Amino acid sequence: MATLPRTRPRNRRLVSRNTVAGWSFILPNFVGFAALTLLPVAVLFYVAFTNWNVFGVAEWTGTANFRRMWNDASFWTALRNTVYYAVFHIPLTLAAALGLALLLNRKLRGVRFFRTIAFFPYITSIVAIAVVWNQLFSPEYGPINALLGAVGVDNPPGWTASATWSMPAVIIVGTWRYMGYYMLLFLAGLQTIPAQLYEAAETDGASPWQRFVHVTLPGLRHTTFFVTVLLTIESFKVFDLILVMTGGGPGQSTLVLSQYIYQKGFEENQFGYASAVSIVLFAICFGITVIQFMVNKRRNS
């Protein structure tokens, strides 16, 4: 009676070879992630409980940095400004991006050109954006105030030179800069909605607004959730726009948590305290994201 060939050792060699090949693709990315992200985050959580100025040995202080934060007026100002920016920036950018996506989702001549123009601010140098918009917002020579004066506004806002109007000015520029990026995400979501649904709704006599409410919005539910999560994280960690446009001023009217962390860490060399503020910012973003996922899961169920 003939015996079957013994293929188990060959299968083992094949599995081992595939395993080595798989790890050879994964390992470089994992090493980079561990060295550049995971390890610094772990160090951050340790440094937050110390008094460290980079040059000396970190002195363990327990929760002293967090107790100091509780009585730090500048921290609470930065937190209020961050929430202020997020509360207005998120819905404005969401609405502007969705409006652009609906407008540029049609078969129009030159639609690709207009999509590129809408996306262009997102890839433009933040320094160039700040310089141009500061000129536009100039209280004395800016065209925005000149236009407001031409239409009858007696006392136009001071914009970035005013403690009251500096944050609205930053929100306007932030919305203008990021709406093109999120427009692309909404465009991708719109193109996944079957055209038959619109045809059926139109046949049933639904108006354009009814088609938007009962077809478009439900079809964009997952895209809207994804965009909202990204927008929330981006809004709470805003840094570069405010740094180059207002520098946190006038006074502390546009000081946000990310810039406050930068000031304490890299300007005042208080890395322990800056790390503690970073953990608070991380906890806020993480908590809001978890809430968003829970709400989205409840809606889907």
C-alpha atoms as a PDB file:
ATOM      1  CA  MET A   1       0.000   0.000   0.000  1.00  0.00           C
ATOM      2  CA  ALA A   2       1.469   3.369  -1.093  1.00  0.00           C
ATOM      3  CA  THR A   3       2.048   5.985   1.594  1.00  0.00           C
ATOM      4  CA  LEU A   4       0.944   9.623   1.197  1.00  0.00           C
ATOM      5  CA  PRO A   5       3.751  12.177   0.848  1.00  0.00           C
ATOM      6  CA  ARG A   6       4.605  13.990   4.039  1.00  0.00           C
ATOM      7  CA  THR A   7       3.699  17.621   3.339  1.00  0.00           C
ATOM      8  CA  ARG A   8       3.543  18.946   6.910  1.00  0.00           C
ATOM      9  CA  PRO A   9       7.198  20.123   7.104  1.00  0.00           C
ATOM     10  CA  ARG A  10       6.791  21.849   3.735  1.00  0.00           C
ATOM     11  CA  ASN A  11       3.627  23.609   4.958  1.00  0.00           C
ATOM     12  CA  ARG A  12       5.456  24.716   8.076  1.00  0.00           C
ATOM     13  CA  ARG A  13       8.279  26.183   6.014  1.00  0.00           C
ATOM     14  CA  LEU A  14       5.723  27.999   3.851  1.00  0.00           C
ATOM     15  CA  VAL A  15       3.939  29.410   6.897  1.00  0.00           C
ATOM     16  CA  SER A  16       7.238  30.520   8.439  1.00  0.00           C
ATOM     17  CA  ARG A  17       8.298  32.140   5.200  1.00  0.00           C
ATOM     18  CA  ASN A  18       5.004  34.027   4.928  1.00  0.00           C
ATOM     19  CA  THR A  19       5.255  35.099   8.562  1.00  0.00           C
ATOM     20  CA  VAL A  20       8.763  36.476   8.072  1.00  0.00           C
ATOM     21  CA  ALA A  21       7.661  38.265   4.904  1.00  0.00           C
ATOM     22  CA  GLY A  22       4.666  39.778   6.700  1.00  0.00           C
ATOM     23  CA  TRP A  23       6.743  41.017   9.623  1.00  0.00           C
ATOM     24  CA  SER A  24       9.319  42.462   7.227  1.00  0.00           C
ATOM     25  CA  PHE A  25       6.583  44.743   5.861  1.00  0.00           C
ATOM     26  CA  ILE A  26       5.042  45.596   9.240  1.00  0.00           C
ATOM     27  CA  LEU A  27       8.162  45.982  11.386  1.00  0.00           C
ATOM     28  CA  PRO A  28       9.624  49.196   9.867  1.00  0.00           C
ATOM     29  CA  ASN A  29       6.320  51.035  10.280  1.00  0.00           C
ATOM     30  CA  PHE A  30       5.822  49.671  13.780  1.00  0.00           C
ATOM     31  CA  VAL A  31       9.359  50.617  14.825  1.00  0.00           C
ATOM     32  CA  GLY A  32       8.831  54.125  13.495  1.00  0.00           C
ATOM     33  CA  PHE A  33       5.500  54.413  15.306  1.00  0.00           C
ATOM     34  CA  ALA A  34       6.989  53.098  18.562  1.00  0.00           C
ATOM     35  CA  ALA A  35      10.052  55.346  18.420  1.00  0.00           C
ATOM     36  CA  LEU A  36       8.389  58.555  17.220  1.00  0.00           C
ATOM     37  CA  THR A  37       4.903  58.309  18.760  1.00  0.00           C
ATOM     38  CA  LEU A  38       4.398  55.593  21.366  1.00  0.00           C
ATOM     39  CA  LEU A  39       7.596  56.201  23.343  1.00  0.00           C
ATOM     40  CA  PRO A  40       7.245  60.030  23.427  1.00  0.00           C
ATOM     41  CA  VAL A  41       3.638  59.690  24.613  1.00  0.00           C
ATOM     42  CA  ALA A  42       4.740  57.329  27.396  1.00  0.00           C
ATOM     43  CA  VAL A  43       7.482  59.785  28.400  1.00  0.00           C
ATOM     44  CA  LEU A  44       4.928  62.618  28.319  1.00  0.00           C
ATOM     45  CA  PHE A  45       2.751  60.898  30.899  1.00  0.00           C
ATOM     46  CA  TYR A  46       5.780  60.481  33.154  1.00  0.00           C
ATOM     47  CA  VAL A  47       7.095  64.034  32.716  1.00  0.00           C
ATOM     48  CA  ALA A  48       3.662  65.456  33.571  1.00  0.00           C
ATOM     49  CA  PHE A  49       4.216  64.350  37.170  1.00  0.00           C
ATOM     50  CA  THR A  50       7.675  65.875  37.437  1.00  0.00           C
ATOM     51  CA  ASN A  51       9.426  69.226  37.527  1.00  0.00           C
ATOM     52  CA  TRP A  52      11.768  69.124  34.528  1.00  0.00           C
ATOM     53  CA  ASN A  53      13.515  71.827  32.543  1.00  0.00           C
ATOM     54  CA  VAL A  54      15.326  69.531  30.052  1.00  0.00           C
ATOM     55  CA  PHE A  55      18.819  70.297  31.345  1.00  0.00           C
ATOM     56  CA  GLY A  56      18.559  68.624  34.750  1.00  0.00           C
ATOM     57  CA  VAL A  57      17.129  65.441  36.193  1.00  0.00           C
ATOM     58  CA  ALA A  58      13.353  65.230  36.333  1.00  0.00           C
ATOM     59  CA  GLU A  59      12.157  65.711  39.919  1.00  0.00           C
ATOM     60  CA  TRP A  60       9.063  63.722  40.829  1.00  0.00           C
ATOM     61  CA  THR A  61       6.371  66.093  42.143  1.00  0.00           C
ATOM     62  CA  GLY A  62       3.235  63.949  41.924  1.00  0.00           C
ATOM     63  CA  THR A  63       0.113  65.918  41.122  1.00  0.00           C
ATOM     64  CA  ALA A  64       1.693  69.325  41.786  1.00  0.00           C
ATOM     65  CA  ASN A  65       1.441  70.369  38.131  1.00  0.00           C
ATOM     66  CA  PHE A  66      -2.271  69.573  38.047  1.00  0.00           C
ATOM     67  CA  ARG A  67      -2.888  71.439  41.306  1.00  0.00           C
ATOM     68  CA  ARG A  68      -1.026  74.409  39.884  1.00  0.00           C
ATOM     69  CA  MET A  69      -3.153  74.217  36.776  1.00  0.00           C
ATOM     70  CA  TRP A  70      -6.325  74.502  38.845  1.00  0.00           C
ATOM     71  CA  ASN A  71      -5.222  77.926  40.118  1.00  0.00           C
ATOM     72  CA  ASP A  72      -3.682  79.123  36.837  1.00  0.00           C
ATOM     73  CA  ALA A  73      -5.829  81.894  35.334  1.00  0.00           C
ATOM     74  CA  SER A  74      -3.988  81.707  31.999  1.00  0.00           C
ATOM     75  CA  PHE A  75      -4.817  78.015  31.691  1.00  0.00           C
ATOM     76  CA  TRP A  76      -8.522  78.677  32.171  1.00  0.00           C
ATOM     77  CA  THR A  77      -8.377  81.537  29.665  1.00  0.00           C
ATOM     78  CA  ALA A  78      -6.732  79.240  27.126  1.00  0.00           C
ATOM     79  CA  LEU A  79      -9.339  76.541  27.803  1.00  0.00           C
ATOM     80  CA  ARG A  80     -12.232  78.982  27.338  1.00  0.00           C
ATOM     81  CA  ASN A  81     -10.725  80.293  24.104  1.00  0.00           C
ATOM     82  CA  THR A  82     -10.220  76.751  22.821  1.00  0.00           C
ATOM     83  CA  VAL A  83     -13.843  75.861  23.530  1.00  0.00           C
ATOM     84  CA  TYR A  84     -14.961  79.168  21.994  1.00  0.00           C
ATOM     85  CA  TYR A  85     -13.048  78.408  18.806  1.00  0.00           C
ATOM     86  CA  ALA A  86     -14.334  74.820  18.607  1.00  0.00           C
ATOM     87  CA  VAL A  87     -17.991  75.673  19.294  1.00  0.00           C
ATOM     88  CA  PHE A  88     -18.139  78.061  16.339  1.00  0.00           C
ATOM     89  CA  HIS A  89     -15.525  76.557  14.030  1.00  0.00           C
ATOM     90  CA  ILE A  90     -17.028  73.047  13.929  1.00  0.00           C
ATOM     91  CA  PRO A  91     -20.594  73.882  12.778  1.00  0.00           C
ATOM     92  CA  LEU A  92     -19.458  76.670  10.437  1.00  0.00           C
ATOM     93  CA  THR A  93     -16.881  74.470   8.713  1.00  0.00           C
ATOM     94  CA  LEU A  94     -19.300  71.561   8.594  1.00  0.00           C
ATOM     95  CA  ALA A  95     -21.994  73.669   6.938  1.00  0.00           C
ATOM     96  CA  ALA A  96     -19.575  75.378   4.522  1.00  0.00           C
ATOM     97  CA  ALA A  97     -17.961  72.095   3.482  1.00  0.00           C
ATOM     98  CA  LEU A  98     -21.320  70.398   2.928  1.00  0.00           C
ATOM     99  CA  GLY A  99     -22.623  73.379   0.974  1.00  0.00           C
ATOM    100  CA  LEU A 100     -19.563  73.387  -1.269  1.00  0.00           C
ATOM    101  CA  ALA A 101     -19.822  69.646  -1.790  1.00  0.00           C
ATOM    102  CA  LEU A 102     -23.486  69.906  -2.821  1.00  0.00           C
ATOM    103  CA  LEU A 103     -22.669  72.784  -5.154  1.00  0.00           C
ATOM    104  CA  LEU A 104     -19.688  71.071  -6.783  1.00  0.00           C
ATOM    105  CA  ASN A 105     -21.251  67.616  -7.021  1.00  0.00           C
ATOM    106  CA  ARG A 106     -23.146  68.612 -10.150  1.00  0.00           C
ATOM    107  CA  LYS A 107     -22.103  68.053 -13.743  1.00  0.00           C
ATOM    108  CA  LEU A 108     -20.995  71.574 -14.578  1.00  0.00           C
ATOM    109  CA  ARG A 109     -18.382  72.894 -16.960  1.00  0.00           C
ATOM    110  CA  GLY A 110     -15.115  73.467 -15.138  1.00  0.00           C
ATOM    111  CA  VAL A 111     -16.285  71.751 -11.953  1.00  0.00           C
ATOM    112  CA  ARG A 112     -12.840  70.185 -11.412  1.00  0.00           C
ATOM    113  CA  PHE A 113     -11.256  73.632 -11.566  1.00  0.00           C
ATOM    114  CA  PHE A 114     -13.617  74.972  -8.912  1.00  0.00           C
ATOM    115  CA  ARG A 115     -12.985  71.922  -6.709  1.00  0.00           C
ATOM    116  CA  THR A 116      -9.252  72.633  -6.948  1.00  0.00           C
ATOM    117  CA  ILE A 117      -9.803  76.291  -6.070  1.00  0.00           C
ATOM    118  CA  ALA A 118     -11.891  75.285  -3.033  1.00  0.00           C
ATOM    119  CA  PHE A 119      -9.197  72.846  -1.868  1.00  0.00           C
ATOM    120  CA  PHE A 120      -6.279  75.197  -2.537  1.00  0.00           C
ATOM    121  CA  PRO A 121      -6.390  77.096   0.824  1.00  0.00           C
ATOM    122  CA  TYR A 122      -5.809  73.817   2.690  1.00  0.00           C
ATOM    123  CA  ILE A 123      -2.410  73.284   1.028  1.00  0.00           C
ATOM    124  CA  THR A 124      -1.377  76.940   1.041  1.00  0.00           C
ATOM    125  CA  SER A 125       1.378  78.050   3.412  1.00  0.00           C
ATOM    126  CA  ILE A 126      -0.092  79.054   6.751  1.00  0.00           C
ATOM    127  CA  VAL A 127       2.289  82.029   6.900  1.00  0.00           C
ATOM    128  CA  ALA A 128       1.045  83.317   3.552  1.00  0.00           C
ATOM    129  CA  ILE A 129      -2.559  82.872   4.705  1.00  0.00           C
ATOM    130  CA  ALA A 130      -1.904  84.807   7.920  1.00  0.00           C
ATOM    131  CA  VAL A 131      -0.155  87.682   6.141  1.00  0.00           C
ATOM    132  CA  VAL A 132      -2.881  88.069   3.506  1.00  0.00           C
ATOM    133  CA  TRP A 133      -5.784  87.843   5.950  1.00  0.00           C
ATOM    134  CA  ASN A 134      -4.150  90.243   8.407  1.00  0.00           C
ATOM    135  CA  GLN A 135      -3.955  92.755   5.572  1.00  0.00           C
ATOM    136  CA  LEU A 136      -7.597  92.116   4.707  1.00  0.00           C
ATOM    137  CA  PHE A 137      -8.589  92.572   8.360  1.00  0.00           C
ATOM    138  CA  SER A 138      -6.531  95.721   8.847  1.00  0.00           C
ATOM    139  CA  PRO A 139      -8.766  98.186  10.772  1.00  0.00           C
ATOM    140  CA  GLU A 140      -7.442 101.232   8.907  1.00  0.00           C
ATOM    141  CA  TYR A 141      -6.485 100.048   5.418  1.00  0.00           C
ATOM    142  CA  GLY A 142      -8.144  96.643   5.031  1.00  0.00           C
ATOM    143  CA  PRO A 143     -10.670  96.144   2.214  1.00  0.00           C
ATOM    144  CA  ILE A 144     -13.086  94.332   4.562  1.00  0.00           C
ATOM    145  CA  ASN A 145     -13.602  97.381   6.775  1.00  0.00           C
ATOM    146  CA  ALA A 146     -13.614  99.608   3.693  1.00  0.00           C
ATOM    147  CA  LEU A 147     -16.487  97.519   2.319  1.00  0.00           C
ATOM    148  CA  LEU A 148     -18.325  97.640   5.654  1.00  0.00           C
ATOM    149  CA  GLY A 149     -17.911 101.401   5.738  1.00  0.00           C
ATOM    150  CA  ALA A 150     -19.221 101.671   2.181  1.00  0.00           C
ATOM    151  CA  VAL A 151     -22.442  99.861   3.132  1.00  0.00           C
ATOM    152  CA  GLY A 152     -23.069 102.147   6.116  1.00  0.00           C
ATOM    153  CA  VAL A 153     -21.295 100.531   9.090  1.00  0.00           C
ATOM    154  CA  ASP A 154     -20.082 103.479  11.174  1.00  0.00           C
ATOM    155  CA  ASN A 155     -17.719 101.635  13.525  1.00  0.00           C
ATOM    156  CA  PRO A 156     -16.368  98.530  11.760  1.00  0.00           C
ATOM    157  CA  PRO A 157     -14.679  95.888  13.928  1.00  0.00           C
ATOM    158  CA  GLY A 158     -11.024  96.063  14.804  1.00  0.00           C
ATOM    159  CA  TRP A 159     -10.634  92.360  13.930  1.00  0.00           C
ATOM    160  CA  THR A 160      -7.183  91.057  14.904  1.00  0.00           C
ATOM    161  CA  ALA A 161      -6.339  94.346  16.638  1.00  0.00           C
ATOM    162  CA  SER A 162      -9.370  94.016  18.943  1.00  0.00           C
ATOM    163  CA  ALA A 163      -9.670  91.683  21.921  1.00  0.00           C
ATOM    164  CA  THR A 164     -13.370  91.246  21.122  1.00  0.00           C
ATOM    165  CA  TRP A 165     -13.110  90.550  17.393  1.00  0.00           C
ATOM    166  CA  SER A 166      -9.777  88.722  17.153  1.00  0.00           C
ATOM    167  CA  MET A 167     -11.231  85.252  17.789  1.00  0.00           C
ATOM    168  CA  PRO A 168     -14.109  85.700  15.278  1.00  0.00           C
ATOM    169  CA  ALA A 169     -11.476  86.737  12.722  1.00  0.00           C
ATOM    170  CA  VAL A 170      -9.465  83.574  13.410  1.00  0.00           C
ATOM    171  CA  ILE A 171     -12.620  81.438  13.170  1.00  0.00           C
ATOM    172  CA  ILE A 172     -13.453  82.971   9.777  1.00  0.00           C
ATOM    173  CA  VAL A 173      -9.970  82.231   8.443  1.00  0.00           C
ATOM    174  CA  GLY A 174      -9.964  78.725   9.945  1.00  0.00           C
ATOM    175  CA  THR A 175     -13.308  77.926   8.335  1.00  0.00           C
ATOM    176  CA  TRP A 176     -12.116  79.277   4.982  1.00  0.00           C
ATOM    177  CA  ARG A 177      -8.913  77.238   5.170  1.00  0.00           C
ATOM    178  CA  TYR A 178     -10.337  73.847   6.170  1.00  0.00           C
ATOM    179  CA  MET A 179     -13.694  73.742   4.387  1.00  0.00           C
ATOM    180  CA  GLY A 180     -12.072  72.622   1.119  1.00  0.00           C
ATOM    181  CA  TYR A 181     -10.542  69.541   2.721  1.00  0.00           C
ATOM    182  CA  TYR A 182     -13.782  68.419   4.333  1.00  0.00           C
ATOM    183  CA  MET A 183     -15.602  69.253   1.105  1.00  0.00           C
ATOM    184  CA  LEU A 184     -13.663  66.423  -0.563  1.00  0.00           C
ATOM    185  CA  LEU A 185     -14.823  63.998   2.119  1.00  0.00           C
ATOM    186  CA  PHE A 186     -18.443  65.045   1.627  1.00  0.00           C
ATOM    187  CA  LEU A 187     -18.020  64.750  -2.152  1.00  0.00           C
ATOM    188  CA  ALA A 188     -16.857  61.173  -1.716  1.00  0.00           C
ATOM    189  CA  GLY A 189     -19.880  60.481   0.481  1.00  0.00           C
ATOM    190  CA  LEU A 190     -22.321  62.091  -1.966  1.00  0.00           C
ATOM    191  CA  GLN A 191     -21.065  59.934  -4.802  1.00  0.00           C
ATOM    192  CA  THR A 192     -21.918  56.773  -2.863  1.00  0.00           C
ATOM    193  CA  ILE A 193     -25.622  57.680  -2.622  1.00  0.00           C
ATOM    194  CA  PRO A 194     -27.531  55.793  -5.361  1.00  0.00           C
ATOM    195  CA  ALA A 195     -29.081  58.072  -7.981  1.00  0.00           C
ATOM    196  CA  GLN A 196     -32.179  55.849  -7.958  1.00  0.00           C
ATOM    197  CA  LEU A 197     -33.103  57.197  -4.531  1.00  0.00           C
ATOM    198  CA  TYR A 198     -33.247  60.755  -5.856  1.00  0.00           C
ATOM    199  CA  GLU A 199     -35.217  59.630  -8.908  1.00  0.00           C
ATOM    200  CA  ALA A 200     -37.727  57.782  -6.738  1.00  0.00           C
ATOM    201  CA  ALA A 201     -38.117  60.759  -4.406  1.00  0.00           C
ATOM    202  CA  GLU A 202     -38.574  63.129  -7.346  1.00  0.00           C
ATOM    203  CA  THR A 203     -41.171  60.787  -8.851  1.00  0.00           C
ATOM    204  CA  ASP A 204     -43.069  60.855  -5.558  1.00  0.00           C
ATOM    205  CA  GLY A 205     -43.164  64.651  -5.746  1.00  0.00           C
ATOM    206  CA  ALA A 206     -40.496  65.443  -3.140  1.00  0.00           C
ATOM    207  CA  SER A 207     -39.146  69.000  -3.254  1.00  0.00           C
ATOM    208  CA  PRO A 208     -35.384  69.690  -3.379  1.00  0.00           C
ATOM    209  CA  TRP A 209     -35.393  70.415   0.365  1.00  0.00           C
ATOM    210  CA  GLN A 210     -37.259  67.178   1.102  1.00  0.00           C
ATOM    211  CA  ARG A 211     -34.783  65.218  -1.053  1.00  0.00           C
ATOM    212  CA  PHE A 212     -31.942  66.820   0.883  1.00  0.00           C
ATOM    213  CA  VAL A 213     -33.463  66.018   4.278  1.00  0.00           C
ATOM    214  CA  HIS A 214     -34.739  62.500   3.548  1.00  0.00           C
ATOM    215  CA  VAL A 215     -32.148  61.250   1.037  1.00  0.00           C
ATOM    216  CA  THR A 216     -28.929  63.245   1.213  1.00  0.00           C
ATOM    217  CA  LEU A 217     -28.535  63.637   4.965  1.00  0.00           C
ATOM    218  CA  PRO A 218     -29.292  59.964   5.795  1.00  0.00           C
ATOM    219  CA  GLY A 219     -26.933  58.892   3.017  1.00  0.00           C
ATOM    220  CA  LEU A 220     -24.179  61.081   4.501  1.00  0.00           C
ATOM    221  CA  ARG A 221     -24.648  59.893   8.075  1.00  0.00           C
ATOM    222  CA  HIS A 222     -21.366  57.968   8.271  1.00  0.00           C
ATOM    223  CA  THR A 223     -19.441  60.648   6.379  1.00  0.00           C
ATOM    224  CA  THR A 224     -20.834  63.383   8.634  1.00  0.00           C
ATOM    225  CA  PHE A 225     -19.832  61.422  11.721  1.00  0.00           C
ATOM    226  CA  PHE A 226     -16.302  60.935  10.390  1.00  0.00           C
ATOM    227  CA  VAL A 227     -15.981  64.604   9.438  1.00  0.00           C
ATOM    228  CA  THR A 228     -17.321  65.727  12.823  1.00  0.00           C
ATOM    229  CA  VAL A 229     -14.764  63.614  14.693  1.00  0.00           C
ATOM    230  CA  LEU A 230     -11.892  64.977  12.588  1.00  0.00           C
ATOM    231  CA  LEU A 231     -13.191  68.537  12.918  1.00  0.00           C
ATOM    232  CA  THR A 232     -13.484  68.243  16.684  1.00  0.00           C
ATOM    233  CA  ILE A 233      -9.925  67.008  17.107  1.00  0.00           C
ATOM    234  CA  GLU A 234      -8.591  69.606  14.668  1.00  0.00           C
ATOM    235  CA  SER A 235     -10.479  72.418  16.432  1.00  0.00           C
ATOM    236  CA  PHE A 236      -9.252  71.585  19.921  1.00  0.00           C
ATOM    237  CA  LYS A 237      -5.615  71.283  18.842  1.00  0.00           C
ATOM    238  CA  VAL A 238      -5.569  74.445  16.694  1.00  0.00           C
ATOM    239  CA  PHE A 239      -2.119  76.000  16.926  1.00  0.00           C
ATOM    240  CA  ASP A 240      -0.348  77.147  13.774  1.00  0.00           C
ATOM    241  CA  LEU A 241      -3.097  79.461  12.504  1.00  0.00           C
ATOM    242  CA  ILE A 242      -3.351  81.387  15.776  1.00  0.00           C
ATOM    243  CA  LEU A 243       0.415  81.411  16.324  1.00  0.00           C
ATOM    244  CA  VAL A 244       1.204  83.141  13.028  1.00  0.00           C
ATOM    245  CA  MET A 245      -1.963  85.236  12.755  1.00  0.00           C
ATOM    246  CA  THR A 246      -2.408  86.746  16.221  1.00  0.00           C
ATOM    247  CA  GLY A 247       0.247  85.185  18.455  1.00  0.00           C
ATOM    248  CA  GLY A 248      -2.449  84.616  21.065  1.00  0.00           C
ATOM    249  CA  GLY A 249      -3.287  88.308  21.315  1.00  0.00           C
ATOM    250  CA  PRO A 250      -4.300  90.971  21.717  1.00  0.00           C
ATOM    251  CA  GLY A 251      -3.559  90.180  25.334  1.00  0.00           C
ATOM    252  CA  GLN A 252      -4.753  86.614  25.764  1.00  0.00           C
ATOM    253  CA  SER A 253      -7.898  86.934  23.654  1.00  0.00           C
ATOM    254  CA  THR A 254      -6.846  84.178  21.229  1.00  0.00           C
ATOM    255  CA  LEU A 255      -4.578  82.145  23.498  1.00  0.00           C
ATOM    256  CA  VAL A 256      -5.528  78.449  23.101  1.00  0.00           C
ATOM    257  CA  LEU A 257      -4.330  75.325  24.884  1.00  0.00           C
ATOM    258  CA  SER A 258      -1.918  74.198  22.169  1.00  0.00           C
ATOM    259  CA  GLN A 259      -0.191  77.571  22.136  1.00  0.00           C
ATOM    260  CA  TYR A 260      -0.160  77.667  25.939  1.00  0.00           C
ATOM    261  CA  ILE A 261       1.583  74.282  25.938  1.00  0.00           C
ATOM    262  CA  TYR A 262       4.126  75.666  23.459  1.00  0.00           C
ATOM    263  CA  GLN A 263       4.735  78.735  25.611  1.00  0.00           C
ATOM    264  CA  LYS A 264       5.247  76.790  28.831  1.00  0.00           C
ATOM    265  CA  GLY A 265       7.400  74.124  27.231  1.00  0.00           C
ATOM    266  CA  PHE A 266       9.564  75.784  24.588  1.00  0.00           C
ATOM    267  CA  GLU A 267       9.557  79.425  25.691  1.00  0.00           C
ATOM    268  CA  GLU A 268       9.566  79.129  29.495  1.00  0.00           C
ATOM    269  CA  ASN A 269      11.282  75.713  29.693  1.00  0.00           C
ATOM    270  CA  GLN A 270       8.643  74.239  32.028  1.00  0.00           C
ATOM    271  CA  PHE A 271       8.265  70.876  30.355  1.00  0.00           C
ATOM    272  CA  GLY A 272       6.652  69.184  33.337  1.00  0.00           C
ATOM    273  CA  TYR A 273       3.832  71.703  33.503  1.00  0.00           C
ATOM    274  CA  ALA A 274       3.470  71.773  29.700  1.00  0.00           C
ATOM    275  CA  SER A 275       3.156  67.979  29.700  1.00  0.00           C
ATOM    276  CA  ALA A 276       0.414  68.158  32.329  1.00  0.00           C
ATOM    277  CA  VAL A 277      -1.562  70.626  30.186  1.00  0.00           C
ATOM    278  CA  SER A 278      -1.011  68.311  27.201  1.00  0.00           C
ATOM    279  CA  ILE A 279      -2.599  65.446  29.124  1.00  0.00           C
ATOM    280  CA  VAL A 280      -5.625  67.618  29.902  1.00  0.00           C
ATOM    281  CA  LEU A 281      -5.973  68.502  26.222  1.00  0.00           C
ATOM    282  CA  PHE A 282      -5.646  64.828  25.299  1.00  0.00           C
ATOM    283  CA  ALA A 283      -8.280  63.867  27.870  1.00  0.00           C
ATOM    284  CA  ILE A 284     -10.698  66.473  26.495  1.00  0.00           C
ATOM    285  CA  CYS A 285     -10.276  65.274  22.896  1.00  0.00           C
ATOM    286  CA  PHE A 286     -10.469  61.627  23.926  1.00  0.00           C
ATOM    287  CA  GLY A 287     -13.576  62.163  26.060  1.00  0.00           C
ATOM    288  CA  ILE A 288     -15.439  64.080  23.350  1.00  0.00           C
ATOM    289  CA  THR A 289     -14.493  61.468  20.738  1.00  0.00           C
ATOM    290  CA  VAL A 290     -15.759  58.631  22.956  1.00  0.00           C
ATOM    291  CA  ILE A 291     -19.042  60.485  23.471  1.00  0.00           C
ATOM    292  CA  GLN A 292     -19.374  60.980  19.709  1.00  0.00           C
ATOM    293  CA  PHE A 293     -18.828  57.268  19.078  1.00  0.00           C
ATOM    294  CA  MET A 294     -21.378  56.334  21.756  1.00  0.00           C
ATOM    295  CA  VAL A 295     -23.984  58.713  20.316  1.00  0.00           C
ATOM    296  CA  ASN A 296     -23.325  57.442  16.789  1.00  0.00           C
ATOM    297  CA  LYS A 297     -23.603  53.813  17.939  1.00  0.00           C
ATOM    298  CA  ARG A 298     -26.916  54.531  19.680  1.00  0.00           C
ATOM    299  CA  ARG A 299     -28.290  56.207  16.554  1.00  0.00           C
ATOM    300  CA  ASN A 300     -27.276  53.312  14.340  1.00  0.00           C
ATOM    301  CA  SER A 301     -28.838  50.781  16.699  1.00  0.00           C
END
